[in-house]
Amino acid sequence: MAGTSGFSVSGYGPERGTWARLSARDSMVRRLDWPLLFSALALSVLGSLLVWSATRNRTQLNQGDPYYFLFRHLLNAGIGVALMIGTVWLGHRTLRGAVPVLYALSVALVLLVLTPLGATINGAHSWIVIGGGFTLQPSEFVKITIILGMAMMLAERVDAGDQLHPDHRTVAKSLGLAVVPMVIVMLMPDLGSVMVMAVIVLGVLLASGASNRWIIGLVGAGVAGAVAVAALGVLDEYQINRFAAFANPELDPAGVGYNTNQARIAIGSGGLTGTGLFHGSQTTGQFVPEQQTDFVFTVAGEELGFLGAGLILVLLGVILWRACRIARETTELYGTVVAAGIIAWFAFQSFENIGMTLGIMPVAGLPLPFVSYGGTSMFAVWIAVGLLQSIRVQRPITA
């Protein structure tokens, strides 16, 4: 079953005709998880409307074209879907063999951010300017390579039947693989991405069956690391101010607390059904900064109300539910661990993004999956959907 091709599932492959593959009981199209796919598509389309509403009047951003961000968001989503299709076609097992190359490439890209090629956007030195108005945030791809790399190492001997659970040496090696890019990202510093990666690592270890001593130890190390980071002054001043504003929203309502205060005003003014798309006073008045990216949920809260914002939560919930089902149904530890890493990623990042707009989480500069504007983030989450679909497609068929 393992094979090296994305079409290694019994009963279909490149040698078969297209129509035969589509009509066969075990065809890739028939075995896709359609609720997962439709939910991701719905979020991307809904996100395009919210991004459009947030940017159509911001001439300083849209270069005088009210459709500028709408078209680019739809283009990013289209490229993301294409990447998902390519990922499913290749298969997560094929990518398993390519992990060393993908890992080296992702580490090289995050290292480039620390060179003169790196750029600072919205206070975060996390980007590479490609040209033509396009930028790349390599830390988004690191999330994927950490999941694939740790899953490959933790599941290798278990899937081969040599072990029931990963041994301590294997766990230590997999943690070393994750720590290298995390340290580089921390040096940028991009605290939000590091937080997501840390949650991914915990999710992967929990799914792999690693000893609970590792989990307890990592949680303790994380707490100690947070204290050390604060004491050593690794964080930039704007990041420290964000935590201060979270602890005391009234500390500086016109300064560091401005974003979260305006975000809560926008969401609170929406009521049950909202003010209507393009009719939000906070959105139209441009009171909420970075509303097309980090604070896009405020557009939904204000203009679509509780029902519209709730729809986003429901769609995210469906994605997580289907991902959990895929993780549970696969018979190989590698697939289970990959799915678990994606679940941890999506769940924490969604909670953090929505939580910071509600004032229950500190501002960390994390986009809302599928909804926020941003090419690299969109590409990464759709690749993750492709990995989930591949795990489902390649699971054994029961009679």
Protein backbone atom coordinates (compact mmCIF):
# COMPACT_ATOMS: atom_id res chain seq x y z
CA MET A 1 0.00 0.00 0.00
CA ALA A 2 2.76 2.44 0.82
CA GLY A 3 4.19 2.74 -2.67
CA THR A 4 5.81 5.88 -3.98
CA SER A 5 3.00 7.27 -6.07
CA GLY A 6 0.07 9.39 -5.04
CA PHE A 7 -2.01 6.87 -7.05
CA SER A 8 -0.87 3.86 -5.07
CA VAL A 9 -4.38 3.10 -3.81
CA SER A 10 -5.49 -0.25 -5.11
CA GLY A 11 -7.52 -0.01 -8.28
CA TYR A 12 -6.40 3.23 -9.90
CA GLY A 13 -3.26 4.73 -11.28
CA PRO A 14 -1.75 6.63 -14.19
CA GLU A 15 -2.11 3.60 -16.44
CA ARG A 16 -5.90 3.72 -16.26
CA GLY A 17 -8.03 6.02 -18.42
CA THR A 18 -9.53 9.20 -16.98
CA TRP A 19 -13.13 8.05 -17.35
CA ALA A 20 -12.34 4.69 -15.79
CA ARG A 21 -10.76 6.37 -12.79
CA LEU A 22 -13.71 8.70 -12.33
CA SER A 23 -16.28 5.92 -12.51
CA ALA A 24 -14.46 3.31 -10.42
CA ARG A 25 -15.62 2.68 -6.85
CA ASP A 26 -12.21 3.57 -5.53
CA SER A 27 -11.60 6.63 -7.73
CA MET A 28 -9.89 9.65 -6.22
CA VAL A 29 -12.85 11.93 -6.94
CA ARG A 30 -15.34 9.61 -5.25
CA ARG A 31 -13.14 9.22 -2.19
CA LEU A 32 -12.54 12.92 -1.56
CA ASP A 33 -13.98 14.37 1.62
CA TRP A 34 -16.53 16.71 0.06
CA PRO A 35 -17.78 18.39 3.28
CA LEU A 36 -14.16 19.34 4.02
CA LEU A 37 -13.63 20.67 0.50
CA PHE A 38 -16.90 22.62 0.35
CA SER A 39 -16.31 24.18 3.78
CA ALA A 40 -12.82 25.37 2.78
CA LEU A 41 -14.17 26.76 -0.50
CA ALA A 42 -17.05 28.51 1.28
CA LEU A 43 -14.64 30.14 3.73
CA SER A 44 -12.39 31.33 0.89
CA VAL A 45 -15.34 32.84 -1.01
CA LEU A 46 -16.77 34.43 2.13
CA GLY A 47 -13.31 35.74 2.95
CA SER A 48 -13.08 37.41 -0.47
CA LEU A 49 -16.29 39.36 0.25
CA LEU A 50 -15.05 40.41 3.68
CA VAL A 51 -11.65 41.44 2.29
CA TRP A 52 -13.39 43.39 -0.47
CA SER A 53 -15.57 45.23 2.02
CA ALA A 54 -12.56 46.04 4.21
CA THR A 55 -10.43 47.43 1.37
CA ARG A 56 -12.69 48.89 -1.31
CA ASN A 57 -12.51 52.40 0.22
CA ARG A 58 -8.89 52.27 1.37
CA THR A 59 -7.26 54.07 -1.55
CA GLN A 60 -3.92 54.18 0.22
CA LEU A 61 -3.87 50.37 0.01
CA ASN A 62 -5.82 49.43 -3.11
CA GLN A 63 -3.99 51.77 -5.50
CA GLY A 64 -7.25 53.42 -6.45
CA ASP A 65 -8.87 50.16 -7.57
CA PRO A 66 -11.73 49.04 -5.26
CA TYR A 67 -11.50 45.51 -6.69
CA TYR A 68 -7.72 45.21 -6.18
CA PHE A 69 -7.79 43.02 -3.06
CA LEU A 70 -10.88 41.10 -4.16
CA PHE A 71 -9.23 39.87 -7.35
CA ARG A 72 -5.95 39.09 -5.62
CA HIS A 73 -7.71 37.18 -2.84
CA LEU A 74 -9.62 35.10 -5.40
CA LEU A 75 -6.39 34.54 -7.33
CA ASN A 76 -4.65 33.37 -4.16
CA ALA A 77 -7.55 31.02 -3.43
CA GLY A 78 -7.44 29.68 -6.99
CA ILE A 79 -3.70 29.00 -6.73
CA GLY A 80 -4.33 27.39 -3.34
CA VAL A 81 -6.93 25.02 -4.83
CA ALA A 82 -4.48 24.13 -7.60
CA LEU A 83 -1.83 23.36 -4.97
CA MET A 84 -4.35 21.19 -3.14
CA ILE A 85 -5.08 19.23 -6.33
CA GLY A 86 -1.36 18.79 -6.94
CA THR A 87 -0.86 17.60 -3.36
CA VAL A 88 -3.64 15.02 -3.69
CA TRP A 89 -2.24 13.88 -7.03
CA LEU A 90 1.25 13.42 -5.60
CA GLY A 91 -0.02 11.91 -2.36
CA HIS A 92 1.17 12.32 1.20
CA ARG A 93 3.24 9.15 0.84
CA THR A 94 5.18 10.55 -2.09
CA LEU A 95 5.77 13.75 -0.12
CA ARG A 96 7.00 11.59 2.75
CA GLY A 97 10.00 10.66 0.62
CA ALA A 98 10.59 14.28 -0.32
CA VAL A 99 10.57 15.57 3.28
CA PRO A 100 14.38 16.08 3.51
CA VAL A 101 14.33 18.31 0.42
CA LEU A 102 11.21 20.21 1.51
CA TYR A 103 12.62 20.70 5.01
CA ALA A 104 15.96 22.02 3.72
CA LEU A 105 14.16 24.38 1.35
CA SER A 106 11.88 25.77 4.06
CA VAL A 107 14.80 26.34 6.45
CA ALA A 108 16.74 28.08 3.68
CA LEU A 109 13.78 30.37 3.00
CA VAL A 110 13.37 31.41 6.64
CA LEU A 111 17.10 32.07 6.81
CA LEU A 112 16.76 34.40 3.81
CA VAL A 113 14.37 36.53 5.86
CA LEU A 114 17.27 37.34 8.19
CA THR A 115 19.35 38.60 5.24
CA PRO A 116 18.93 41.93 3.41
CA LEU A 117 16.32 40.17 1.26
CA GLY A 118 13.97 40.12 4.25
CA ALA A 119 11.37 42.85 4.70
CA THR A 120 9.44 44.26 7.63
CA ILE A 121 5.66 44.51 7.15
CA ASN A 122 3.34 45.71 9.92
CA GLY A 123 6.17 45.51 12.44
CA ALA A 124 7.11 41.89 11.66
CA HIS A 125 10.36 41.10 9.87
CA SER A 126 8.94 37.89 8.41
CA TRP A 127 8.74 38.49 4.68
CA ILE A 128 10.67 38.17 1.45
CA VAL A 129 9.77 40.68 -1.26
CA ILE A 130 9.53 38.86 -4.57
CA GLY A 131 8.60 41.83 -6.73
CA GLY A 132 5.55 42.99 -8.59
CA GLY A 133 3.75 43.65 -5.33
CA PHE A 134 4.12 40.02 -4.20
CA THR A 135 5.68 38.89 -0.94
CA LEU A 136 6.42 35.52 0.64
CA GLN A 137 6.17 34.54 4.31
CA PRO A 138 8.30 31.38 4.60
CA SER A 139 7.17 30.59 8.15
CA GLU A 140 3.81 29.46 6.74
CA PHE A 141 5.51 26.66 4.80
CA VAL A 142 7.60 25.73 7.84
CA LYS A 143 4.38 24.66 9.58
CA ILE A 144 3.85 22.07 6.85
CA THR A 145 7.41 20.76 6.84
CA ILE A 146 7.44 20.42 10.64
CA ILE A 147 4.28 18.31 10.43
CA LEU A 148 5.59 16.13 7.60
CA GLY A 149 9.10 15.82 9.04
CA MET A 150 8.04 14.88 12.56
CA ALA A 151 5.38 12.49 11.24
CA MET A 152 7.95 10.76 9.02
CA MET A 153 10.38 10.23 11.90
CA LEU A 154 7.84 9.29 14.57
CA ALA A 155 5.90 6.83 12.40
CA GLU A 156 8.74 5.16 10.49
CA ARG A 157 9.39 2.20 12.81
CA VAL A 158 5.80 2.00 14.06
CA ASP A 159 4.33 1.66 10.54
CA ALA A 160 7.04 -0.90 9.75
CA GLY A 161 5.83 -3.01 12.71
CA ASP A 162 9.07 -2.72 14.69
CA GLN A 163 7.55 -0.69 17.54
CA LEU A 164 4.18 0.03 19.09
CA HIS A 165 5.13 3.62 19.97
CA PRO A 166 8.04 5.95 19.12
CA ASP A 167 10.97 5.49 21.48
CA HIS A 168 12.66 8.32 23.37
CA ARG A 169 15.50 8.64 20.88
CA THR A 170 13.09 9.02 17.96
CA VAL A 171 11.06 11.64 19.82
CA ALA A 172 14.22 13.59 20.66
CA LYS A 173 15.34 13.56 17.01
CA SER A 174 11.94 14.73 15.81
CA LEU A 175 11.97 17.58 18.31
CA GLY A 176 15.41 18.61 17.08
CA LEU A 177 14.00 18.75 13.56
CA ALA A 178 11.24 21.13 14.72
CA VAL A 179 13.41 23.31 16.96
CA VAL A 180 15.80 24.47 14.21
CA PRO A 181 13.27 26.44 12.11
CA MET A 182 11.40 27.55 15.24
CA VAL A 183 14.54 29.21 16.61
CA ILE A 184 15.13 30.96 13.28
CA VAL A 185 11.53 32.23 13.17
CA MET A 186 11.86 33.41 16.77
CA LEU A 187 14.91 35.48 15.79
CA MET A 188 12.83 37.47 13.28
CA PRO A 189 10.99 37.70 15.76
CA ASP A 190 7.65 36.18 14.73
CA LEU A 191 6.14 35.13 18.05
CA GLY A 192 2.73 34.27 16.58
CA SER A 193 4.12 31.70 14.15
CA VAL A 194 6.30 30.18 16.86
CA MET A 195 3.23 29.77 19.06
CA VAL A 196 1.43 27.92 16.27
CA MET A 197 4.46 25.69 15.65
CA ALA A 198 4.69 24.85 19.35
CA VAL A 199 1.04 23.76 19.37
CA ILE A 200 1.65 21.72 16.22
CA VAL A 201 4.55 19.92 17.92
CA LEU A 202 2.36 19.07 20.92
CA GLY A 203 -0.45 17.83 18.68
CA VAL A 204 1.92 15.66 16.67
CA LEU A 205 3.47 14.10 19.78
CA LEU A 206 0.08 13.41 21.35
CA ALA A 207 -1.13 11.65 18.19
CA SER A 208 2.07 9.64 17.82
CA GLY A 209 1.68 7.90 21.17
CA ALA A 210 4.89 9.37 22.58
CA SER A 211 5.41 9.09 26.33
CA ASN A 212 3.45 11.56 28.45
CA ARG A 213 6.73 12.57 30.05
CA TRP A 214 7.64 14.30 26.80
CA ILE A 215 4.37 16.22 26.76
CA ILE A 216 4.73 17.33 30.38
CA GLY A 217 8.36 18.23 29.82
CA LEU A 218 7.58 20.28 26.71
CA VAL A 219 4.82 22.22 28.46
CA GLY A 220 7.22 23.00 31.29
CA ALA A 221 9.94 23.97 28.84
CA GLY A 222 7.48 26.22 27.02
CA VAL A 223 6.61 28.09 30.19
CA ALA A 224 10.29 28.45 31.09
CA GLY A 225 11.06 29.56 27.55
CA ALA A 226 8.35 32.24 27.65
CA VAL A 227 9.76 33.60 30.90
CA ALA A 228 13.29 33.57 29.45
CA VAL A 229 12.20 35.33 26.27
CA ALA A 230 10.56 38.09 28.29
CA ALA A 231 13.54 38.41 30.65
CA LEU A 232 16.19 38.45 27.91
CA GLY A 233 14.42 41.08 25.83
CA VAL A 234 14.14 38.94 22.70
CA LEU A 235 10.74 40.42 21.81
CA ASP A 236 10.40 43.74 20.04
CA GLU A 237 8.73 46.63 21.82
CA TYR A 238 5.55 46.37 19.76
CA GLN A 239 5.14 42.71 20.81
CA ILE A 240 5.59 43.56 24.48
CA ASN A 241 3.03 46.34 24.09
CA ARG A 242 0.53 43.87 22.62
CA PHE A 243 0.71 41.69 25.72
CA ALA A 244 0.46 44.75 27.94
CA ALA A 245 -2.68 45.86 26.08
CA PHE A 246 -4.16 42.38 26.44
CA ALA A 247 -3.54 42.39 30.19
CA ASN A 248 -5.03 45.87 30.52
CA PRO A 249 -7.16 47.01 27.52
CA GLU A 250 -7.55 50.48 29.06
CA LEU A 251 -3.79 50.96 29.34
CA ASP A 252 -3.52 53.05 26.17
CA PRO A 253 -6.84 53.04 24.26
CA ALA A 254 -5.51 55.46 21.64
CA GLY A 255 -2.21 53.59 21.24
CA VAL A 256 -1.38 49.93 21.88
CA GLY A 257 -4.96 49.13 22.89
CA TYR A 258 -6.51 50.85 19.87
CA ASN A 259 -6.76 47.77 17.62
CA THR A 260 -8.56 45.52 20.09
CA ASN A 261 -10.86 48.29 21.31
CA GLN A 262 -11.96 49.17 17.78
CA ALA A 263 -12.33 45.48 16.92
CA ARG A 264 -14.71 44.90 19.83
CA ILE A 265 -16.72 48.00 18.92
CA ALA A 266 -17.09 46.71 15.34
CA ILE A 267 -18.17 43.22 16.39
CA GLY A 268 -20.49 44.51 19.11
CA SER A 269 -22.28 46.88 16.72
CA GLY A 270 -23.31 44.06 14.38
CA GLY A 271 -26.04 42.58 16.55
CA LEU A 272 -27.81 39.46 15.32
CA THR A 273 -27.91 40.04 11.57
CA GLY A 274 -25.34 42.80 11.07
CA THR A 275 -25.49 46.16 9.35
CA GLY A 276 -25.25 44.61 5.88
CA LEU A 277 -22.26 44.00 3.63
CA PHE A 278 -20.48 47.28 2.78
CA HIS A 279 -22.58 49.17 5.37
CA GLY A 280 -20.52 48.81 8.54
CA SER A 281 -19.62 52.19 10.01
CA GLN A 282 -16.41 50.91 11.60
CA THR A 283 -15.35 49.17 8.39
CA THR A 284 -16.37 51.98 6.04
CA GLY A 285 -14.80 54.53 8.37
CA GLN A 286 -11.53 52.56 8.40
CA PHE A 287 -11.35 52.57 12.19
CA VAL A 288 -9.98 49.00 12.48
CA PRO A 289 -6.35 48.63 11.29
CA GLU A 290 -5.27 45.59 9.23
CA GLN A 291 -8.91 44.67 8.75
CA GLN A 292 -8.29 42.63 5.60
CA THR A 293 -5.70 40.41 7.31
CA ASP A 294 -5.46 39.93 11.07
CA PHE A 295 -8.81 41.59 11.92
CA VAL A 296 -10.97 40.34 9.05
CA PHE A 297 -13.34 38.66 11.54
CA THR A 298 -14.46 42.13 12.66
CA VAL A 299 -15.96 42.72 9.20
CA ALA A 300 -18.05 39.59 9.59
CA GLY A 301 -19.12 40.55 13.10
CA GLU A 302 -20.15 44.07 12.12
CA GLU A 303 -21.67 43.58 8.66
CA LEU A 304 -22.99 40.00 8.88
CA GLY A 305 -23.73 40.01 12.59
CA PHE A 306 -23.79 37.09 14.98
CA LEU A 307 -25.28 34.82 12.31
CA GLY A 308 -22.59 35.58 9.73
CA ALA A 309 -19.76 35.33 12.25
CA GLY A 310 -21.32 32.11 13.54
CA LEU A 311 -21.32 30.71 10.00
CA ILE A 312 -17.54 31.16 9.88
CA LEU A 313 -17.22 29.25 13.15
CA VAL A 314 -19.48 26.47 11.83
CA LEU A 315 -17.44 26.10 8.63
CA LEU A 316 -14.18 26.01 10.59
CA GLY A 317 -15.79 23.44 12.89
CA VAL A 318 -16.73 21.25 9.91
CA ILE A 319 -13.14 21.35 8.66
CA LEU A 320 -11.84 20.30 12.07
CA TRP A 321 -14.51 17.60 12.42
CA ARG A 322 -13.69 16.09 9.03
CA ALA A 323 -9.96 16.29 9.76
CA CYS A 324 -10.51 14.44 13.05
CA ARG A 325 -12.49 11.77 11.22
CA ILE A 326 -9.72 11.37 8.64
CA ALA A 327 -7.13 11.04 11.41
CA ARG A 328 -9.24 8.41 13.17
CA GLU A 329 -10.01 6.31 10.08
CA THR A 330 -6.52 6.00 8.61
CA THR A 331 -4.68 2.78 9.43
CA GLU A 332 -1.15 4.18 9.30
CA LEU A 333 0.43 6.24 12.07
CA TYR A 334 2.06 8.56 9.54
CA GLY A 335 -1.33 9.67 8.18
CA THR A 336 -2.78 10.02 11.67
CA VAL A 337 0.10 12.21 12.84
CA VAL A 338 -0.02 14.43 9.74
CA ALA A 339 -3.76 14.95 10.20
CA ALA A 340 -3.31 15.66 13.92
CA GLY A 341 -0.68 18.30 13.20
CA ILE A 342 -3.02 20.05 10.76
CA ILE A 343 -5.88 19.89 13.28
CA ALA A 344 -3.70 21.48 15.97
CA TRP A 345 -2.58 24.17 13.51
CA PHE A 346 -6.04 25.12 12.26
CA ALA A 347 -7.69 24.94 15.68
CA PHE A 348 -5.16 27.07 17.53
CA GLN A 349 -4.68 29.64 14.78
CA SER A 350 -8.44 30.10 14.37
CA PHE A 351 -8.94 30.42 18.12
CA GLU A 352 -6.09 32.91 18.46
CA ASN A 353 -7.22 35.06 15.52
CA ILE A 354 -10.88 35.24 16.56
CA GLY A 355 -9.94 35.48 20.24
CA MET A 356 -7.76 38.54 19.72
CA THR A 357 -10.62 40.37 17.97
CA LEU A 358 -12.83 39.60 20.98
CA GLY A 359 -10.18 40.63 23.49
CA ILE A 360 -9.78 37.16 25.02
CA MET A 361 -6.37 36.51 23.41
CA PRO A 362 -3.37 38.80 22.86
CA VAL A 363 -2.77 40.22 19.38
CA ALA A 364 -0.29 37.89 17.69
CA GLY A 365 -0.51 38.79 14.00
CA LEU A 366 -1.97 35.47 12.85
CA PRO A 367 -4.38 35.28 9.88
CA LEU A 368 -7.73 33.51 9.99
CA PRO A 369 -7.34 30.34 7.86
CA PHE A 370 -8.96 30.62 4.40
CA VAL A 371 -10.54 33.99 5.26
CA SER A 372 -7.77 36.55 5.81
CA TYR A 373 -6.01 38.14 2.88
CA GLY A 374 -2.53 36.77 2.27
CA GLY A 375 -1.07 34.60 -0.47
CA THR A 376 1.41 32.49 1.49
CA SER A 377 -1.10 31.73 4.22
CA MET A 378 -3.74 30.77 1.65
CA PHE A 379 -1.33 28.49 -0.20
CA ALA A 380 -0.25 26.77 3.03
CA VAL A 381 -3.75 26.02 4.32
CA TRP A 382 -4.88 24.63 0.95
CA ILE A 383 -1.78 22.40 0.79
CA ALA A 384 -2.81 21.16 4.23
CA VAL A 385 -6.30 20.39 2.89
CA GLY A 386 -4.60 18.47 0.07
CA LEU A 387 -2.69 16.41 2.61
CA LEU A 388 -5.91 15.60 4.47
CA GLN A 389 -7.63 14.62 1.24
CA SER A 390 -4.69 12.43 0.25
CA ILE A 391 -4.82 10.59 3.58
CA ARG A 392 -8.53 9.93 3.02
CA VAL A 393 -8.09 8.92 -0.63
CA GLN A 394 -5.32 6.46 0.13
CA ARG A 395 -6.96 4.75 3.09
CA PRO A 396 -7.82 1.08 2.50
CA ILE A 397 -11.29 0.29 1.21
CA THR A 398 -13.38 -2.06 3.31
CA ALA A 399 -15.50 -4.63 1.55
